[in-house]
Amino acid sequence: PAHLLSVLRHPVTKLILLVLCVLSLFHWAHRFRYTLHDGLRLK
């Protein structure tokens, strides 16, 4: 647990987790936008 906590507190790990979350959110946003726009025809 101490090693895992030190890995999670490392700045590079924080940056990787931040990039993962941000890019996943924008992936969702784009996919959901076009689902509403084209799939449900809410142009």
PDB file of all heavy atoms in Angstrom:
ATOM      1  N   PRO A   1       0.807  -1.233   0.000  1.00  0.00           N
ATOM      2  CA  PRO A   1       0.000   0.000   0.000  1.00  0.00           C
ATOM      3  C   PRO A   1       0.839   1.281   0.000  1.00  0.00           C
ATOM      4  O   PRO A   1       0.476   2.259  -0.654  1.00  0.00           O
ATOM      5  CB  PRO A   1      -0.831  -0.102   1.274  1.00  0.00           C
ATOM      6  CG  PRO A   1      -0.896  -1.562   1.563  1.00  0.00           C
ATOM      7  CD  PRO A   1       0.402  -2.129   1.074  1.00  0.00           C
ATOM      8  N   ALA A   2       1.963   1.281   0.682  1.00  0.00           N
ATOM      9  CA  ALA A   2       2.817   2.472   0.706  1.00  0.00           C
ATOM     10  C   ALA A   2       3.419   2.742  -0.675  1.00  0.00           C
ATOM     11  O   ALA A   2       3.487   3.894  -1.120  1.00  0.00           O
ATOM     12  CB  ALA A   2       3.919   2.306   1.738  1.00  0.00           C
ATOM     13  N   HIS A   3       3.821   1.675  -1.355  1.00  0.00           N
ATOM     14  CA  HIS A   3       4.382   1.830  -2.703  1.00  0.00           C
ATOM     15  C   HIS A   3       3.309   2.293  -3.686  1.00  0.00           C
ATOM     16  O   HIS A   3       3.549   3.176  -4.516  1.00  0.00           O
ATOM     17  CB  HIS A   3       5.009   0.521  -3.172  1.00  0.00           C
ATOM     18  CG  HIS A   3       5.560   0.591  -4.555  1.00  0.00           C
ATOM     19  ND1 HIS A   3       6.682   1.321  -4.863  1.00  0.00           N
ATOM     20  CD2 HIS A   3       5.140   0.041  -5.718  1.00  0.00           C
ATOM     21  CE1 HIS A   3       6.934   1.218  -6.154  1.00  0.00           C
ATOM     22  NE2 HIS A   3       6.000   0.446  -6.695  1.00  0.00           N
ATOM     23  N   LEU A   4       2.123   1.706  -3.593  1.00  0.00           N
ATOM     24  CA  LEU A   4       1.027   2.098  -4.475  1.00  0.00           C
ATOM     25  C   LEU A   4       0.649   3.560  -4.256  1.00  0.00           C
ATOM     26  O   LEU A   4       0.419   4.299  -5.214  1.00  0.00           O
ATOM     27  CB  LEU A   4      -0.175   1.190  -4.236  1.00  0.00           C
ATOM     28  CG  LEU A   4      -1.335   1.328  -5.212  1.00  0.00           C
ATOM     29  CD1 LEU A   4      -0.890   1.051  -6.637  1.00  0.00           C
ATOM     30  CD2 LEU A   4      -2.451   0.390  -4.817  1.00  0.00           C
ATOM     31  N   LEU A   5       0.628   3.996  -3.014  1.00  0.00           N
ATOM     32  CA  LEU A   5       0.323   5.389  -2.709  1.00  0.00           C
ATOM     33  C   LEU A   5       1.404   6.324  -3.245  1.00  0.00           C
ATOM     34  O   LEU A   5       1.100   7.397  -3.778  1.00  0.00           O
ATOM     35  CB  LEU A   5       0.159   5.576  -1.200  1.00  0.00           C
ATOM     36  CG  LEU A   5      -0.361   6.919  -0.737  1.00  0.00           C
ATOM     37  CD1 LEU A   5      -1.726   7.205  -1.348  1.00  0.00           C
ATOM     38  CD2 LEU A   5      -0.430   6.957   0.770  1.00  0.00           C
ATOM     39  N   SER A   6       2.659   5.908  -3.141  1.00  0.00           N
ATOM     40  CA  SER A   6       3.734   6.762  -3.672  1.00  0.00           C
ATOM     41  C   SER A   6       3.671   6.840  -5.197  1.00  0.00           C
ATOM     42  O   SER A   6       3.959   7.890  -5.776  1.00  0.00           O
ATOM     43  CB  SER A   6       5.099   6.263  -3.214  1.00  0.00           C
ATOM     44  OG  SER A   6       5.416   5.032  -3.822  1.00  0.00           O
ATOM     45  N   VAL A   7       3.268   5.758  -5.850  1.00  0.00           N
ATOM     46  CA  VAL A   7       3.108   5.791  -7.311  1.00  0.00           C
ATOM     47  C   VAL A   7       1.958   6.713  -7.691  1.00  0.00           C
ATOM     48  O   VAL A   7       2.067   7.506  -8.633  1.00  0.00           O
ATOM     49  CB  VAL A   7       2.881   4.365  -7.872  1.00  0.00           C
ATOM     50  CG1 VAL A   7       2.433   4.400  -9.321  1.00  0.00           C
ATOM     51  CG2 VAL A   7       4.143   3.533  -7.739  1.00  0.00           C
ATOM     52  N   LEU A   8       0.846   6.640  -6.955  1.00  0.00           N
ATOM     53  CA  LEU A   8      -0.303   7.478  -7.268  1.00  0.00           C
ATOM     54  C   LEU A   8      -0.054   8.956  -6.980  1.00  0.00           C
ATOM     55  O   LEU A   8      -0.685   9.820  -7.579  1.00  0.00           O
ATOM     56  CB  LEU A   8      -1.531   6.999  -6.490  1.00  0.00           C
ATOM     57  CG  LEU A   8      -2.106   5.673  -6.962  1.00  0.00           C
ATOM     58  CD1 LEU A   8      -3.233   5.234  -6.052  1.00  0.00           C
ATOM     59  CD2 LEU A   8      -2.574   5.769  -8.392  1.00  0.00           C
ATOM     60  N   ARG A   9       0.858   9.263  -6.084  1.00  0.00           N
ATOM     61  CA  ARG A   9       1.178  10.667  -5.770  1.00  0.00           C
ATOM     62  C   ARG A   9       2.250  11.248  -6.676  1.00  0.00           C
ATOM     63  O   ARG A   9       2.514  12.449  -6.620  1.00  0.00           O
ATOM     64  CB  ARG A   9       1.627  10.780  -4.317  1.00  0.00           C
ATOM     65  CG  ARG A   9       0.479  10.633  -3.358  1.00  0.00           C
ATOM     66  CD  ARG A   9       0.903  10.907  -1.957  1.00  0.00           C
ATOM     67  NE  ARG A   9      -0.257  10.869  -1.077  1.00  0.00           N
ATOM     68  CZ  ARG A   9      -0.183  10.691   0.222  1.00  0.00           C
ATOM     69  NH1 ARG A   9       0.991  10.551   0.804  1.00  0.00           N
ATOM     70  NH2 ARG A   9      -1.264  10.672   0.940  1.00  0.00           N
ATOM     71  N   HIS A  10       2.859  10.428  -7.518  1.00  0.00           N
ATOM     72  CA  HIS A  10       3.907  10.915  -8.422  1.00  0.00           C
ATOM     73  C   HIS A  10       3.282  11.827  -9.482  1.00  0.00           C
ATOM     74  O   HIS A  10       2.209  11.550 -10.007  1.00  0.00           O
ATOM     75  CB  HIS A  10       4.612   9.726  -9.094  1.00  0.00           C
ATOM     76  CG  HIS A  10       5.892  10.093  -9.734  1.00  0.00           C
ATOM     77  ND1 HIS A  10       5.953  10.633 -10.990  1.00  0.00           N
ATOM     78  CD2 HIS A  10       7.159  10.028  -9.282  1.00  0.00           C
ATOM     79  CE1 HIS A  10       7.217  10.868 -11.307  1.00  0.00           C
ATOM     80  NE2 HIS A  10       7.972  10.513 -10.274  1.00  0.00           N
ATOM     81  N   PRO A  11       3.944  12.940  -9.818  1.00  0.00           N
ATOM     82  CA  PRO A  11       3.384  13.891 -10.788  1.00  0.00           C
ATOM     83  C   PRO A  11       3.119  13.283 -12.171  1.00  0.00           C
ATOM     84  O   PRO A  11       2.140  13.662 -12.820  1.00  0.00           O
ATOM     85  CB  PRO A  11       4.443  14.993 -10.874  1.00  0.00           C
ATOM     86  CG  PRO A  11       5.256  14.866  -9.641  1.00  0.00           C
ATOM     87  CD  PRO A  11       5.185  13.444  -9.210  1.00  0.00           C
ATOM     88  N   VAL A  12       3.947  12.363 -12.615  1.00  0.00           N
ATOM     89  CA  VAL A  12       3.732  11.757 -13.934  1.00  0.00           C
ATOM     90  C   VAL A  12       2.466  10.900 -13.925  1.00  0.00           C
ATOM     91  O   VAL A  12       1.676  10.917 -14.876  1.00  0.00           O
ATOM     92  CB  VAL A  12       4.966  10.931 -14.370  1.00  0.00           C
ATOM     93  CG1 VAL A  12       4.686  10.180 -15.654  1.00  0.00           C
ATOM     94  CG2 VAL A  12       6.174  11.834 -14.525  1.00  0.00           C
ATOM     95  N   THR A  13       2.237  10.173 -12.830  1.00  0.00           N
ATOM     96  CA  THR A  13       1.023   9.371 -12.714  1.00  0.00           C
ATOM     97  C   THR A  13      -0.206  10.274 -12.699  1.00  0.00           C
ATOM     98  O   THR A  13      -1.208   9.972 -13.354  1.00  0.00           O
ATOM     99  CB  THR A  13       1.053   8.519 -11.434  1.00  0.00           C
ATOM    100  OG1 THR A  13       2.238   7.732 -11.431  1.00  0.00           O
ATOM    101  CG2 THR A  13      -0.150   7.624 -11.338  1.00  0.00           C
ATOM    102  N   LYS A  14      -0.128  11.375 -11.983  1.00  0.00           N
ATOM    103  CA  LYS A  14      -1.240  12.322 -11.950  1.00  0.00           C
ATOM    104  C   LYS A  14      -1.516  12.891 -13.337  1.00  0.00           C
ATOM    105  O   LYS A  14      -2.668  13.025 -13.742  1.00  0.00           O
ATOM    106  CB  LYS A  14      -0.954  13.447 -10.964  1.00  0.00           C
ATOM    107  CG  LYS A  14      -1.031  13.032  -9.524  1.00  0.00           C
ATOM    108  CD  LYS A  14      -0.791  14.222  -8.622  1.00  0.00           C
ATOM    109  CE  LYS A  14      -0.941  13.840  -7.163  1.00  0.00           C
ATOM    110  NZ  LYS A  14      -0.849  15.010  -6.288  1.00  0.00           N
ATOM    111  N   LEU A  15      -0.459  13.211 -14.064  1.00  0.00           N
ATOM    112  CA  LEU A  15      -0.624  13.742 -15.413  1.00  0.00           C
ATOM    113  C   LEU A  15      -1.266  12.714 -16.334  1.00  0.00           C
ATOM    114  O   LEU A  15      -2.163  13.047 -17.117  1.00  0.00           O
ATOM    115  CB  LEU A  15       0.733  14.190 -15.966  1.00  0.00           C
ATOM    116  CG  LEU A  15       0.713  14.785 -17.368  1.00  0.00           C
ATOM    117  CD1 LEU A  15      -0.056  16.087 -17.369  1.00  0.00           C
ATOM    118  CD2 LEU A  15       2.122  14.978 -17.865  1.00  0.00           C
ATOM    119  N   ILE A  16      -0.821  11.459 -16.244  1.00  0.00           N
ATOM    120  CA  ILE A  16      -1.393  10.405 -17.089  1.00  0.00           C
ATOM    121  C   ILE A  16      -2.869  10.200 -16.762  1.00  0.00           C
ATOM    122  O   ILE A  16      -3.703  10.065 -17.669  1.00  0.00           O
ATOM    123  CB  ILE A  16      -0.590   9.098 -16.933  1.00  0.00           C
ATOM    124  CG1 ILE A  16       0.783   9.262 -17.573  1.00  0.00           C
ATOM    125  CG2 ILE A  16      -1.334   7.916 -17.537  1.00  0.00           C
ATOM    126  CD1 ILE A  16       1.738   8.136 -17.289  1.00  0.00           C
ATOM    127  N   LEU A  17      -3.224  10.182 -15.489  1.00  0.00           N
ATOM    128  CA  LEU A  17      -4.625  10.029 -15.106  1.00  0.00           C
ATOM    129  C   LEU A  17      -5.464  11.222 -15.562  1.00  0.00           C
ATOM    130  O   LEU A  17      -6.605  11.058 -16.008  1.00  0.00           O
ATOM    131  CB  LEU A  17      -4.747   9.843 -13.596  1.00  0.00           C
ATOM    132  CG  LEU A  17      -4.275   8.510 -13.049  1.00  0.00           C
ATOM    133  CD1 LEU A  17      -4.324   8.517 -11.525  1.00  0.00           C
ATOM    134  CD2 LEU A  17      -5.099   7.371 -13.604  1.00  0.00           C
ATOM    135  N   LEU A  18      -4.896  12.419 -15.478  1.00  0.00           N
ATOM    136  CA  LEU A  18      -5.603  13.612 -15.942  1.00  0.00           C
ATOM    137  C   LEU A  18      -5.849  13.549 -17.446  1.00  0.00           C
ATOM    138  O   LEU A  18      -6.962  13.799 -17.918  1.00  0.00           O
ATOM    139  CB  LEU A  18      -4.815  14.870 -15.581  1.00  0.00           C
ATOM    140  CG  LEU A  18      -5.435  16.192 -16.014  1.00  0.00           C
ATOM    141  CD1 LEU A  18      -6.757  16.420 -15.290  1.00  0.00           C
ATOM    142  CD2 LEU A  18      -4.476  17.339 -15.747  1.00  0.00           C
ATOM    143  N   VAL A  19      -4.829  13.187 -18.209  1.00  0.00           N
ATOM    144  CA  VAL A  19      -4.977  13.072 -19.666  1.00  0.00           C
ATOM    145  C   VAL A  19      -6.003  11.995 -20.008  1.00  0.00           C
ATOM    146  O   VAL A  19      -6.850  12.189 -20.896  1.00  0.00           O
ATOM    147  CB  VAL A  19      -3.607  12.779 -20.328  1.00  0.00           C
ATOM    148  CG1 VAL A  19      -3.767  12.349 -21.768  1.00  0.00           C
ATOM    149  CG2 VAL A  19      -2.712  14.005 -20.235  1.00  0.00           C
ATOM    150  N   LEU A  20      -5.958  10.868 -19.316  1.00  0.00           N
ATOM    151  CA  LEU A  20      -6.921   9.795 -19.550  1.00  0.00           C
ATOM    152  C   LEU A  20      -8.350  10.278 -19.314  1.00  0.00           C
ATOM    153  O   LEU A  20      -9.239  10.063 -20.150  1.00  0.00           O
ATOM    154  CB  LEU A  20      -6.619   8.600 -18.643  1.00  0.00           C
ATOM    155  CG  LEU A  20      -7.645   7.473 -18.629  1.00  0.00           C
ATOM    156  CD1 LEU A  20      -7.664   6.757 -19.960  1.00  0.00           C
ATOM    157  CD2 LEU A  20      -7.362   6.513 -17.503  1.00  0.00           C
ATOM    158  N   CYS A  21      -8.572  10.969 -18.218  1.00  0.00           N
ATOM    159  CA  CYS A  21      -9.924  11.443 -17.902  1.00  0.00           C
ATOM    160  C   CYS A  21     -10.394  12.520 -18.876  1.00  0.00           C
ATOM    161  O   CYS A  21     -11.529  12.482 -19.362  1.00  0.00           O
ATOM    162  CB  CYS A  21      -9.976  11.960 -16.477  1.00  0.00           C
ATOM    163  SG  CYS A  21      -9.786  10.671 -15.243  1.00  0.00           S
ATOM    164  N   VAL A  22      -9.535  13.483 -19.172  1.00  0.00           N
ATOM    165  CA  VAL A  22      -9.924  14.585 -20.056  1.00  0.00           C
ATOM    166  C   VAL A  22     -10.230  14.073 -21.462  1.00  0.00           C
ATOM    167  O   VAL A  22     -11.264  14.409 -22.055  1.00  0.00           O
ATOM    168  CB  VAL A  22      -8.826  15.673 -20.093  1.00  0.00           C
ATOM    169  CG1 VAL A  22      -9.080  16.672 -21.206  1.00  0.00           C
ATOM    170  CG2 VAL A  22      -8.744  16.379 -18.751  1.00  0.00           C
ATOM    171  N   LEU A  23      -9.358  13.245 -22.007  1.00  0.00           N
ATOM    172  CA  LEU A  23      -9.599  12.734 -23.354  1.00  0.00           C
ATOM    173  C   LEU A  23     -10.823  11.828 -23.401  1.00  0.00           C
ATOM    174  O   LEU A  23     -11.575  11.850 -24.374  1.00  0.00           O
ATOM    175  CB  LEU A  23      -8.360  12.008 -23.880  1.00  0.00           C
ATOM    176  CG  LEU A  23      -7.180  12.906 -24.232  1.00  0.00           C
ATOM    177  CD1 LEU A  23      -5.994  12.062 -24.689  1.00  0.00           C
ATOM    178  CD2 LEU A  23      -7.548  13.920 -25.292  1.00  0.00           C
ATOM    179  N   SER A  24     -11.058  11.057 -22.350  1.00  0.00           N
ATOM    180  CA  SER A  24     -12.255  10.210 -22.310  1.00  0.00           C
ATOM    181  C   SER A  24     -13.526  11.057 -22.258  1.00  0.00           C
ATOM    182  O   SER A  24     -14.528  10.711 -22.891  1.00  0.00           O
ATOM    183  CB  SER A  24     -12.198   9.276 -21.104  1.00  0.00           C
ATOM    184  OG  SER A  24     -11.146   8.369 -21.235  1.00  0.00           O
ATOM    185  N   LEU A  25     -13.487  12.159 -21.518  1.00  0.00           N
ATOM    186  CA  LEU A  25     -14.653  13.045 -21.467  1.00  0.00           C
ATOM    187  C   LEU A  25     -14.942  13.674 -22.830  1.00  0.00           C
ATOM    188  O   LEU A  25     -16.101  13.770 -23.244  1.00  0.00           O
ATOM    189  CB  LEU A  25     -14.441  14.132 -20.414  1.00  0.00           C
ATOM    190  CG  LEU A  25     -14.633  13.708 -18.970  1.00  0.00           C
ATOM    191  CD1 LEU A  25     -14.133  14.788 -18.021  1.00  0.00           C
ATOM    192  CD2 LEU A  25     -16.089  13.397 -18.692  1.00  0.00           C
ATOM    193  N   PHE A  26     -13.908  14.108 -23.531  1.00  0.00           N
ATOM    194  CA  PHE A  26     -14.134  14.695 -24.850  1.00  0.00           C
ATOM    195  C   PHE A  26     -14.552  13.644 -25.870  1.00  0.00           C
ATOM    196  O   PHE A  26     -15.324  13.928 -26.783  1.00  0.00           O
ATOM    197  CB  PHE A  26     -12.913  15.484 -25.325  1.00  0.00           C
ATOM    198  CG  PHE A  26     -12.897  16.871 -24.777  1.00  0.00           C
ATOM    199  CD1 PHE A  26     -12.175  17.181 -23.646  1.00  0.00           C
ATOM    200  CD2 PHE A  26     -13.647  17.872 -25.369  1.00  0.00           C
ATOM    201  CE1 PHE A  26     -12.184  18.453 -23.119  1.00  0.00           C
ATOM    202  CE2 PHE A  26     -13.665  19.159 -24.857  1.00  0.00           C
ATOM    203  CZ  PHE A  26     -12.929  19.454 -23.723  1.00  0.00           C
ATOM    204  N   HIS A  27     -14.073  12.429 -25.721  1.00  0.00           N
ATOM    205  CA  HIS A  27     -14.529  11.327 -26.579  1.00  0.00           C
ATOM    206  C   HIS A  27     -16.026  11.113 -26.360  1.00  0.00           C
ATOM    207  O   HIS A  27     -16.792  10.995 -27.318  1.00  0.00           O
ATOM    208  CB  HIS A  27     -13.742  10.057 -26.263  1.00  0.00           C
ATOM    209  CG  HIS A  27     -14.164   8.887 -27.081  1.00  0.00           C
ATOM    210  ND1 HIS A  27     -13.767   8.712 -28.381  1.00  0.00           N
ATOM    211  CD2 HIS A  27     -14.940   7.826 -26.785  1.00  0.00           C
ATOM    212  CE1 HIS A  27     -14.290   7.598 -28.854  1.00  0.00           C
ATOM    213  NE2 HIS A  27     -15.017   7.037 -27.894  1.00  0.00           N
ATOM    214  N   TRP A  28     -16.442  11.063 -25.092  1.00  0.00           N
ATOM    215  CA  TRP A  28     -17.861  10.908 -24.789  1.00  0.00           C
ATOM    216  C   TRP A  28     -18.670  12.060 -25.373  1.00  0.00           C
ATOM    217  O   TRP A  28     -19.737  11.841 -25.970  1.00  0.00           O
ATOM    218  CB  TRP A  28     -18.082  10.845 -23.270  1.00  0.00           C
ATOM    219  CG  TRP A  28     -19.516  11.090 -22.942  1.00  0.00           C
ATOM    220  CD1 TRP A  28     -20.522  10.181 -22.956  1.00  0.00           C
ATOM    221  CD2 TRP A  28     -20.109  12.351 -22.621  1.00  0.00           C
ATOM    222  NE1 TRP A  28     -21.709  10.795 -22.638  1.00  0.00           N
ATOM    223  CE2 TRP A  28     -21.491  12.135 -22.431  1.00  0.00           C
ATOM    224  CE3 TRP A  28     -19.609  13.635 -22.462  1.00  0.00           C
ATOM    225  CZ2 TRP A  28     -22.367  13.152 -22.097  1.00  0.00           C
ATOM    226  CZ3 TRP A  28     -20.491  14.652 -22.132  1.00  0.00           C
ATOM    227  CH2 TRP A  28     -21.845  14.410 -21.951  1.00  0.00           C
ATOM    228  N   ALA A  29     -18.205  13.286 -25.179  1.00  0.00           N
ATOM    229  CA  ALA A  29     -18.956  14.458 -25.621  1.00  0.00           C
ATOM    230  C   ALA A  29     -19.187  14.423 -27.128  1.00  0.00           C
ATOM    231  O   ALA A  29     -20.296  14.682 -27.607  1.00  0.00           O
ATOM    232  CB  ALA A  29     -18.225  15.739 -25.225  1.00  0.00           C
ATOM    233  N   HIS A  30     -18.158  14.088 -27.885  1.00  0.00           N
ATOM    234  CA  HIS A  30     -18.282  14.058 -29.341  1.00  0.00           C
ATOM    235  C   HIS A  30     -19.221  12.939 -29.785  1.00  0.00           C
ATOM    236  O   HIS A  30     -20.075  13.138 -30.644  1.00  0.00           O
ATOM    237  CB  HIS A  30     -16.896  13.892 -29.958  1.00  0.00           C
ATOM    238  CG  HIS A  30     -16.808  14.359 -31.369  1.00  0.00           C
ATOM    239  ND1 HIS A  30     -16.911  15.684 -31.721  1.00  0.00           N
ATOM    240  CD2 HIS A  30     -16.625  13.683 -32.528  1.00  0.00           C
ATOM    241  CE1 HIS A  30     -16.790  15.804 -33.027  1.00  0.00           C
ATOM    242  NE2 HIS A  30     -16.616  14.609 -33.536  1.00  0.00           N
ATOM    243  N   ARG A  31     -19.061  11.776 -29.178  1.00  0.00           N
ATOM    244  CA  ARG A  31     -19.924  10.639 -29.530  1.00  0.00           C
ATOM    245  C   ARG A  31     -21.385  10.937 -29.183  1.00  0.00           C
ATOM    246  O   ARG A  31     -22.290  10.673 -29.969  1.00  0.00           O
ATOM    247  CB  ARG A  31     -19.456   9.379 -28.814  1.00  0.00           C
ATOM    248  CG  ARG A  31     -20.237   8.152 -29.185  1.00  0.00           C
ATOM    249  CD  ARG A  31     -19.644   6.927 -28.533  1.00  0.00           C
ATOM    250  NE  ARG A  31     -18.337   6.615 -29.050  1.00  0.00           N
ATOM    251  CZ  ARG A  31     -18.113   5.788 -30.066  1.00  0.00           C
ATOM    252  NH1 ARG A  31     -19.111   5.194 -30.662  1.00  0.00           N
ATOM    253  NH2 ARG A  31     -16.894   5.534 -30.464  1.00  0.00           N
ATOM    254  N   PHE A  32     -21.618  11.505 -28.005  1.00  0.00           N
ATOM    255  CA  PHE A  32     -22.983  11.801 -27.580  1.00  0.00           C
ATOM    256  C   PHE A  32     -23.592  12.902 -28.440  1.00  0.00           C
ATOM    257  O   PHE A  32     -24.781  12.851 -28.778  1.00  0.00           O
ATOM    258  CB  PHE A  32     -22.975  12.203 -26.100  1.00  0.00           C
ATOM    259  CG  PHE A  32     -24.336  12.215 -25.477  1.00  0.00           C
ATOM    260  CD1 PHE A  32     -25.043  11.042 -25.307  1.00  0.00           C
ATOM    261  CD2 PHE A  32     -24.896  13.405 -25.055  1.00  0.00           C
ATOM    262  CE1 PHE A  32     -26.308  11.054 -24.735  1.00  0.00           C
ATOM    263  CE2 PHE A  32     -26.149  13.424 -24.482  1.00  0.00           C
ATOM    264  CZ  PHE A  32     -26.860  12.250 -24.322  1.00  0.00           C
ATOM    265  N   ARG A  33     -22.781  13.891 -28.814  1.00  0.00           N
ATOM    266  CA  ARG A  33     -23.276  14.961 -29.678  1.00  0.00           C
ATOM    267  C   ARG A  33     -23.788  14.400 -30.992  1.00  0.00           C
ATOM    268  O   ARG A  33     -24.888  14.733 -31.442  1.00  0.00           O
ATOM    269  CB  ARG A  33     -22.166  15.964 -29.951  1.00  0.00           C
ATOM    270  CG  ARG A  33     -22.543  16.989 -30.992  1.00  0.00           C
ATOM    271  CD  ARG A  33     -21.366  17.792 -31.455  1.00  0.00           C
ATOM    272  NE  ARG A  33     -21.742  18.668 -32.544  1.00  0.00           N
ATOM    273  CZ  ARG A  33     -20.876  19.279 -33.315  1.00  0.00           C
ATOM    274  NH1 ARG A  33     -19.591  19.142 -33.105  1.00  0.00           N
ATOM    275  NH2 ARG A  33     -21.291  20.044 -34.283  1.00  0.00           N
ATOM    276  N   TYR A  34     -23.000  13.529 -31.629  1.00  0.00           N
ATOM    277  CA  TYR A  34     -23.427  13.011 -32.914  1.00  0.00           C
ATOM    278  C   TYR A  34     -24.511  11.948 -32.789  1.00  0.00           C
ATOM    279  O   TYR A  34     -25.263  11.729 -33.730  1.00  0.00           O
ATOM    280  CB  TYR A  34     -22.216  12.509 -33.719  1.00  0.00           C
ATOM    281  CG  TYR A  34     -21.553  13.673 -34.395  1.00  0.00           C
ATOM    282  CD1 TYR A  34     -20.440  14.273 -33.847  1.00  0.00           C
ATOM    283  CD2 TYR A  34     -22.087  14.224 -35.546  1.00  0.00           C
ATOM    284  CE1 TYR A  34     -19.853  15.369 -34.438  1.00  0.00           C
ATOM    285  CE2 TYR A  34     -21.519  15.328 -36.152  1.00  0.00           C
ATOM    286  CZ  TYR A  34     -20.393  15.895 -35.596  1.00  0.00           C
ATOM    287  OH  TYR A  34     -19.838  16.991 -36.188  1.00  0.00           O
ATOM    288  N   THR A  35     -24.628  11.330 -31.634  1.00  0.00           N
ATOM    289  CA  THR A  35     -25.763  10.433 -31.413  1.00  0.00           C
ATOM    290  C   THR A  35     -27.054  11.243 -31.370  1.00  0.00           C
ATOM    291  O   THR A  35     -28.057  10.854 -31.979  1.00  0.00           O
ATOM    292  CB  THR A  35     -25.591   9.659 -30.096  1.00  0.00           C
ATOM    293  OG1 THR A  35     -24.423   8.849 -30.178  1.00  0.00           O
ATOM    294  CG2 THR A  35     -26.796   8.785 -29.806  1.00  0.00           C
ATOM    295  N   LEU A  36     -27.035  12.366 -30.666  1.00  0.00           N
ATOM    296  CA  LEU A  36     -28.218  13.217 -30.616  1.00  0.00           C
ATOM    297  C   LEU A  36     -28.479  13.902 -31.953  1.00  0.00           C
ATOM    298  O   LEU A  36     -29.623  14.010 -32.388  1.00  0.00           O
ATOM    299  CB  LEU A  36     -28.058  14.281 -29.523  1.00  0.00           C
ATOM    300  CG  LEU A  36     -28.004  13.769 -28.086  1.00  0.00           C
ATOM    301  CD1 LEU A  36     -27.734  14.926 -27.141  1.00  0.00           C
ATOM    302  CD2 LEU A  36     -29.273  13.052 -27.707  1.00  0.00           C
ATOM    303  N   HIS A  37     -27.418  14.343 -32.594  1.00  0.00           N
ATOM    304  CA  HIS A  37     -27.539  15.102 -33.839  1.00  0.00           C
ATOM    305  C   HIS A  37     -28.014  14.220 -34.990  1.00  0.00           C
ATOM    306  O   HIS A  37     -28.983  14.551 -35.674  1.00  0.00           O
ATOM    307  CB  HIS A  37     -26.182  15.735 -34.165  1.00  0.00           C
ATOM    308  CG  HIS A  37     -26.213  16.640 -35.345  1.00  0.00           C
ATOM    309  ND1 HIS A  37     -25.957  16.204 -36.618  1.00  0.00           N
ATOM    310  CD2 HIS A  37     -26.449  17.969 -35.439  1.00  0.00           C
ATOM    311  CE1 HIS A  37     -26.045  17.218 -37.457  1.00  0.00           C
ATOM    312  NE2 HIS A  37     -26.334  18.302 -36.759  1.00  0.00           N
ATOM    313  N   ASP A  38     -27.338  13.103 -35.209  1.00  0.00           N
ATOM    314  CA  ASP A  38     -27.660  12.244 -36.345  1.00  0.00           C
ATOM    315  C   ASP A  38     -28.601  11.100 -35.975  1.00  0.00           C
ATOM    316  O   ASP A  38     -29.512  10.773 -36.726  1.00  0.00           O
ATOM    317  CB  ASP A  38     -26.378  11.659 -36.945  1.00  0.00           C
ATOM    318  CG  ASP A  38     -25.499  12.724 -37.563  1.00  0.00           C
ATOM    319  OD1 ASP A  38     -26.037  13.759 -37.986  1.00  0.00           O
ATOM    320  OD2 ASP A  38     -24.279  12.522 -37.614  1.00  0.00           O
ATOM    321  N   GLY A  39     -28.341  10.478 -34.830  1.00  0.00           N
ATOM    322  CA  GLY A  39     -29.138   9.316 -34.464  1.00  0.00           C
ATOM    323  C   GLY A  39     -30.571   9.667 -34.110  1.00  0.00           C
ATOM    324  O   GLY A  39     -31.511   9.004 -34.540  1.00  0.00           O
ATOM    325  N   LEU A  40     -30.754  10.694 -33.321  1.00  0.00           N
ATOM    326  CA  LEU A  40     -32.099  11.102 -32.906  1.00  0.00           C
ATOM    327  C   LEU A  40     -32.643  12.251 -33.757  1.00  0.00           C
ATOM    328  O   LEU A  40     -33.744  12.731 -33.514  1.00  0.00           O
ATOM    329  CB  LEU A  40     -32.100  11.505 -31.430  1.00  0.00           C
ATOM    330  CG  LEU A  40     -31.743  10.381 -30.454  1.00  0.00           C
ATOM    331  CD1 LEU A  40     -31.741  10.903 -29.030  1.00  0.00           C
ATOM    332  CD2 LEU A  40     -32.713   9.223 -30.591  1.00  0.00           C
ATOM    333  N   ARG A  41     -31.842  12.713 -34.700  1.00  0.00           N
ATOM    334  CA  ARG A  41     -32.233  13.761 -35.652  1.00  0.00           C
ATOM    335  C   ARG A  41     -32.669  15.049 -34.949  1.00  0.00           C
ATOM    336  O   ARG A  41     -33.704  15.623 -35.247  1.00  0.00           O
ATOM    337  CB  ARG A  41     -33.312  13.255 -36.591  1.00  0.00           C
ATOM    338  CG  ARG A  41     -32.847  12.085 -37.418  1.00  0.00           C
ATOM    339  CD  ARG A  41     -33.978  11.541 -38.241  1.00  0.00           C
ATOM    340  NE  ARG A  41     -33.593  10.247 -38.759  1.00  0.00           N
ATOM    341  CZ  ARG A  41     -33.455   9.984 -40.044  1.00  0.00           C
ATOM    342  NH1 ARG A  41     -33.674  10.914 -40.934  1.00  0.00           N
ATOM    343  NH2 ARG A  41     -33.113   8.778 -40.438  1.00  0.00           N
ATOM    344  N   LEU A  42     -31.858  15.472 -34.009  1.00  0.00           N
ATOM    345  CA  LEU A  42     -32.132  16.712 -33.287  1.00  0.00           C
ATOM    346  C   LEU A  42     -31.270  17.846 -33.822  1.00  0.00           C
ATOM    347  O   LEU A  42     -30.706  18.630 -33.065  1.00  0.00           O
ATOM    348  CB  LEU A  42     -31.888  16.510 -31.786  1.00  0.00           C
ATOM    349  CG  LEU A  42     -32.772  15.482 -31.098  1.00  0.00           C
ATOM    350  CD1 LEU A  42     -32.334  15.279 -29.659  1.00  0.00           C
ATOM    351  CD2 LEU A  42     -34.227  15.887 -31.172  1.00  0.00           C
ATOM    352  N   LYS A  43     -31.171  17.952 -35.136  1.00  0.00           N
ATOM    353  CA  LYS A  43     -30.298  18.950 -35.751  1.00  0.00           C
ATOM    354  C   LYS A  43     -30.718  20.376 -35.423  1.00  0.00           C
ATOM    355  O   LYS A  43     -29.889  21.268 -35.347  1.00  0.00           O
ATOM    356  CB  LYS A  43     -30.275  18.749 -37.264  1.00  0.00           C
ATOM    357  CG  LYS A  43     -29.637  17.449 -37.648  1.00  0.00           C
ATOM    358  CD  LYS A  43     -29.674  17.204 -39.125  1.00  0.00           C
ATOM    359  CE  LYS A  43     -29.025  15.862 -39.363  1.00  0.00           C
ATOM    360  NZ  LYS A  43     -29.327  15.253 -40.594  1.00  0.00           N
TER     361      LYS A  43
END
